Amino acid sequence: MFFSFSPKHRIYELIAFFLFISVMGTILLLTPAPDLFASLPPFENELLKWLSRSAGEYLFIITLAILCSIPIIQRLSIKKILSLYMQFGILLVLSFMLKSGVKAITEIPRPYTQALVQVDLVDSTERFYSLDEDSKQALISHVENKVSPARIEQWRASTNYSFPSGHTIFAAICVLFWGGFLLRNKHYILTAAVITWGVGVGFSRVWLGMHWPTDLMASIISASILILCVPTINLEKEPIEKTKFTP
């Protein structure tokens, strides 16, 4: 087994990072902050819901299955495929640990909790987070008829803290790792599709009231750091260099 930490082995992942964060940052700058109590058109409601779900509980498995089928479709060797899966798996575990640890330390309220404060359902975001889970759900129920279904679904599902975005760091790991792989193999259209999906996931998290733009940017940057920290793994035997015999 061969390990390498050389940055040159991650050049395509870094290109995917710069493309991803540039597009995401531009969209966040040009898009006004959402009114969380404004209704969403049916198509937009469904689109944002499924984009968010694709990087969240249960449906993220389908996303992983699609992405992990890429090297199989490319007909790479078994050892090469396993090498990619090992690297990707390590990145996912590290990103989950990082996300959970930072959330526990920073304790930044989600945007929708501030919206609940603005309509006088709770005195402060600190008060919201001091409630038990049943009380939080009851509080959210008071605005159920005033908020789009996709938003209510997400609010009920995540009553923890905001920073960083777990959905976005998952999407960023996928975009950087598999986007870099696709770029390396000159599949530019597929790379654009993966980046577009990642941007959609991040945008959905802001528009549904789950995250601040800073949460997204921090998640993408964190993913790029993790990419550089995890070594390139090669299960294939390295060729033995031939040396000239000097009598």
Protein backbone atom coordinates (compact mmCIF):
# COMPACT_ATOMS: atom_id res chain seq x y z
CA MET A 1 0.00 0.00 0.00
CA PHE A 2 1.33 3.42 -0.98
CA PHE A 3 0.47 6.74 0.71
CA SER A 4 1.24 10.21 -0.59
CA PHE A 5 0.57 13.66 0.89
CA SER A 6 1.94 15.55 -2.12
CA PRO A 7 -0.25 18.60 -2.98
CA LYS A 8 0.33 17.95 -6.68
CA HIS A 9 -1.79 14.81 -6.32
CA ARG A 10 -4.71 17.03 -5.23
CA ILE A 11 -4.48 19.70 -7.91
CA TYR A 12 -7.75 18.69 -9.59
CA GLU A 13 -9.56 18.55 -6.24
CA LEU A 14 -8.34 22.09 -5.54
CA ILE A 15 -9.56 23.24 -8.96
CA ALA A 16 -12.98 21.75 -8.12
CA PHE A 17 -12.83 23.62 -4.79
CA PHE A 18 -12.16 26.99 -6.42
CA LEU A 19 -14.93 26.44 -8.97
CA PHE A 20 -17.39 25.35 -6.29
CA ILE A 21 -16.70 28.12 -3.79
CA SER A 22 -16.63 30.77 -6.54
CA VAL A 23 -20.05 29.81 -7.89
CA MET A 24 -21.51 29.36 -4.40
CA GLY A 25 -20.11 32.67 -3.18
CA THR A 26 -21.37 34.55 -6.24
CA ILE A 27 -24.89 33.18 -5.84
CA LEU A 28 -24.98 34.00 -2.13
CA LEU A 29 -23.82 37.56 -2.81
CA LEU A 30 -26.37 38.17 -5.57
CA THR A 31 -29.33 36.53 -3.83
CA PRO A 32 -31.18 38.52 -1.14
CA ALA A 33 -31.80 36.96 2.26
CA PRO A 34 -34.98 34.85 2.14
CA ASP A 35 -38.20 35.80 3.88
CA LEU A 36 -38.83 32.57 5.75
CA PHE A 37 -42.54 33.31 6.14
CA ALA A 38 -43.06 33.96 2.42
CA SER A 39 -44.69 31.08 0.56
CA LEU A 40 -42.68 29.07 -1.94
CA PRO A 41 -44.15 28.11 -5.34
CA PRO A 42 -44.89 24.35 -5.52
CA PHE A 43 -42.03 23.60 -7.93
CA GLU A 44 -39.51 25.59 -5.90
CA ASN A 45 -40.75 23.98 -2.69
CA GLU A 46 -40.23 20.48 -4.09
CA LEU A 47 -36.88 21.29 -5.71
CA LEU A 48 -35.39 22.75 -2.53
CA LYS A 49 -36.78 19.88 -0.47
CA TRP A 50 -35.22 17.18 -2.62
CA LEU A 51 -31.92 19.01 -3.02
CA SER A 52 -31.64 19.26 0.74
CA ARG A 53 -32.70 15.64 1.23
CA SER A 54 -30.08 14.43 -1.26
CA ALA A 55 -27.36 15.40 1.22
CA GLY A 56 -29.28 14.49 4.37
CA GLU A 57 -30.62 11.47 6.20
CA TYR A 58 -31.50 8.39 4.16
CA LEU A 59 -31.32 9.89 0.67
CA PHE A 60 -27.62 10.67 1.02
CA ILE A 61 -27.12 6.91 0.58
CA ILE A 62 -28.53 7.17 -2.95
CA THR A 63 -26.19 10.08 -3.64
CA LEU A 64 -23.25 8.02 -2.40
CA ALA A 65 -24.31 5.06 -4.53
CA ILE A 66 -24.44 7.23 -7.66
CA LEU A 67 -21.08 8.85 -7.02
CA CYS A 68 -19.37 5.61 -6.03
CA SER A 69 -20.53 4.02 -9.28
CA ILE A 70 -18.33 6.44 -11.26
CA PRO A 71 -15.07 4.43 -11.01
CA ILE A 72 -16.99 1.22 -11.72
CA ILE A 73 -18.43 2.73 -14.90
CA GLN A 74 -14.89 3.85 -15.75
CA ARG A 75 -13.87 0.18 -15.48
CA LEU A 76 -10.97 0.84 -13.16
CA SER A 77 -9.16 -2.02 -11.51
CA ILE A 78 -10.55 -3.41 -8.26
CA LYS A 79 -7.54 -2.13 -6.30
CA LYS A 80 -7.91 1.35 -7.78
CA ILE A 81 -11.61 1.42 -6.94
CA LEU A 82 -10.93 0.27 -3.39
CA SER A 83 -8.23 2.95 -3.06
CA LEU A 84 -10.76 5.63 -4.03
CA TYR A 85 -13.40 4.24 -1.68
CA MET A 86 -10.96 4.19 1.23
CA GLN A 87 -9.99 7.82 0.70
CA PHE A 88 -13.61 8.89 0.27
CA GLY A 89 -14.70 6.96 3.36
CA ILE A 90 -11.99 8.56 5.51
CA LEU A 91 -13.04 12.00 4.28
CA LEU A 92 -16.69 11.35 5.15
CA VAL A 93 -15.85 10.14 8.67
CA LEU A 94 -13.55 13.10 9.33
CA SER A 95 -16.12 15.58 8.01
CA PHE A 96 -18.81 14.14 10.28
CA MET A 97 -16.52 14.35 13.30
CA LEU A 98 -15.50 17.90 12.43
CA LYS A 99 -19.09 19.04 11.89
CA SER A 100 -20.32 17.53 15.16
CA GLY A 101 -17.43 18.92 17.20
CA VAL A 102 -17.62 22.46 15.83
CA LYS A 103 -21.42 22.62 16.29
CA ALA A 104 -21.02 21.69 19.95
CA ILE A 105 -18.40 24.41 20.46
CA THR A 106 -19.84 27.34 18.51
CA GLU A 107 -23.58 26.94 19.35
CA ILE A 108 -24.71 29.39 16.65
CA PRO A 109 -28.54 29.55 16.32
CA ARG A 110 -30.17 28.53 13.06
CA PRO A 111 -31.81 31.31 11.01
CA TYR A 112 -35.32 29.95 11.54
CA THR A 113 -34.96 30.27 15.32
CA GLN A 114 -34.43 34.00 14.86
CA ALA A 115 -37.55 34.08 12.69
CA LEU A 116 -39.48 32.51 15.57
CA VAL A 117 -38.17 35.25 17.85
CA GLN A 118 -39.28 37.94 15.38
CA VAL A 119 -42.90 36.72 15.50
CA ASP A 120 -42.79 36.63 19.33
CA LEU A 121 -43.15 32.86 19.68
CA VAL A 122 -40.09 32.75 21.91
CA ASP A 123 -38.18 35.44 23.79
CA SER A 124 -34.75 34.64 22.33
CA THR A 125 -32.83 32.02 20.41
CA GLU A 126 -31.12 31.06 23.67
CA ARG A 127 -34.54 30.34 25.15
CA PHE A 128 -35.43 28.15 22.15
CA TYR A 129 -32.32 26.03 22.59
CA SER A 130 -32.96 25.66 26.32
CA LEU A 131 -36.27 23.89 25.61
CA ASP A 132 -36.62 20.12 25.44
CA GLU A 133 -37.28 18.52 22.07
CA ASP A 134 -41.06 18.21 22.55
CA SER A 135 -41.33 21.89 23.43
CA LYS A 136 -39.29 22.86 20.37
CA GLN A 137 -41.57 20.82 18.13
CA ALA A 138 -44.66 22.36 19.72
CA LEU A 139 -43.25 25.83 19.11
CA ILE A 140 -42.59 25.09 15.44
CA SER A 141 -46.16 23.78 15.13
CA HIS A 142 -47.47 27.29 15.83
CA VAL A 143 -46.17 28.49 12.44
CA GLU A 144 -46.92 25.33 10.50
CA ASN A 145 -49.72 27.00 8.52
CA LYS A 146 -47.63 30.11 7.80
CA VAL A 147 -44.48 28.46 6.46
CA SER A 148 -43.88 26.43 3.30
CA PRO A 149 -43.94 22.63 3.84
CA ALA A 150 -40.29 22.16 2.81
CA ARG A 151 -39.19 24.64 5.46
CA ILE A 152 -41.33 23.15 8.22
CA GLU A 153 -40.01 19.68 7.37
CA GLN A 154 -36.42 20.84 7.79
CA TRP A 155 -37.13 22.89 10.91
CA ARG A 156 -38.68 19.86 12.60
CA ALA A 157 -35.82 17.59 11.52
CA SER A 158 -32.98 19.77 12.85
CA THR A 159 -33.37 21.66 16.10
CA ASN A 160 -29.64 21.68 16.85
CA TYR A 161 -27.15 24.43 16.06
CA SER A 162 -26.24 25.95 12.72
CA PHE A 163 -22.46 26.23 12.26
CA PRO A 164 -21.13 24.56 10.15
CA SER A 165 -23.55 23.06 7.64
CA GLY A 166 -23.45 19.28 7.76
CA HIS A 167 -25.34 18.98 4.47
CA THR A 168 -22.94 21.37 2.77
CA ILE A 169 -19.76 19.79 4.10
CA PHE A 170 -21.05 16.43 2.84
CA ALA A 171 -21.82 17.97 -0.54
CA ALA A 172 -18.44 19.72 -0.60
CA ILE A 173 -16.56 16.49 0.11
CA CYS A 174 -18.47 14.86 -2.76
CA VAL A 175 -17.86 17.78 -5.13
CA LEU A 176 -14.15 18.12 -4.34
CA PHE A 177 -13.35 14.40 -4.34
CA TRP A 178 -15.48 13.17 -7.24
CA GLY A 179 -15.36 16.47 -9.11
CA GLY A 180 -11.58 16.27 -8.91
CA PHE A 181 -11.67 12.69 -10.14
CA LEU A 182 -13.89 13.66 -13.09
CA LEU A 183 -11.69 16.63 -13.96
CA ARG A 184 -8.61 14.42 -13.88
CA ASN A 185 -10.30 12.16 -16.39
CA LYS A 186 -11.54 15.10 -18.51
CA HIS A 187 -15.27 14.57 -17.89
CA TYR A 188 -16.07 18.26 -17.81
CA ILE A 189 -19.84 18.04 -18.26
CA LEU A 190 -20.17 15.56 -15.39
CA THR A 191 -17.92 17.78 -13.27
CA ALA A 192 -20.23 20.73 -13.95
CA ALA A 193 -23.22 18.56 -13.00
CA VAL A 194 -21.66 17.56 -9.67
CA ILE A 195 -20.75 21.18 -8.86
CA THR A 196 -24.25 22.33 -9.80
CA TRP A 197 -25.74 19.76 -7.44
CA GLY A 198 -23.44 20.90 -4.63
CA VAL A 199 -24.37 24.54 -5.17
CA GLY A 200 -28.04 23.54 -5.16
CA VAL A 201 -27.64 21.76 -1.83
CA GLY A 202 -25.96 24.78 -0.25
CA PHE A 203 -28.53 27.21 -1.66
CA SER A 204 -31.39 25.05 -0.39
CA ARG A 205 -30.00 25.12 3.14
CA VAL A 206 -29.99 28.92 3.19
CA TRP A 207 -33.35 29.28 1.46
CA LEU A 208 -35.03 26.80 3.82
CA GLY A 209 -33.84 28.80 6.83
CA MET A 210 -31.41 26.19 8.10
CA HIS A 211 -28.07 27.96 7.62
CA TRP A 212 -26.34 31.29 7.24
CA PRO A 213 -24.14 31.93 4.19
CA THR A 214 -21.08 31.86 6.47
CA ASP A 215 -22.00 28.30 7.48
CA LEU A 216 -21.81 27.23 3.86
CA MET A 217 -18.52 28.94 3.08
CA ALA A 218 -16.90 27.54 6.23
CA SER A 219 -18.09 24.05 5.32
CA ILE A 220 -16.62 24.25 1.81
CA ILE A 221 -13.28 25.57 3.13
CA SER A 222 -13.24 22.84 5.81
CA ALA A 223 -13.78 20.20 3.13
CA SER A 224 -10.81 21.55 1.14
CA ILE A 225 -8.59 21.33 4.22
CA LEU A 226 -9.68 17.75 4.86
CA ILE A 227 -8.96 16.88 1.22
CA LEU A 228 -5.37 18.04 1.71
CA CYS A 229 -5.02 16.18 5.02
CA VAL A 230 -6.13 12.77 3.75
CA PRO A 231 -3.36 11.02 1.80
CA THR A 232 -3.66 9.62 -1.68
CA ILE A 233 -3.95 5.85 -1.22
CA ASN A 234 -2.73 3.38 -3.82
CA LEU A 235 -3.32 -0.32 -3.18
CA GLU A 236 -1.55 -1.28 -6.38
CA LYS A 237 2.08 -2.26 -6.16
CA GLU A 238 4.52 0.49 -6.99
CA PRO A 239 6.86 -0.40 -9.86
CA ILE A 240 10.40 -1.16 -8.73
CA GLU A 241 12.86 1.23 -10.30
CA LYS A 242 15.64 -0.46 -12.21
CA THR A 243 19.13 0.71 -11.38
CA LYS A 244 22.21 0.22 -13.46
CA PHE A 245 24.81 -2.14 -12.05
CA THR A 246 28.19 -0.54 -11.66
CA PRO A 247 31.04 -3.07 -11.37
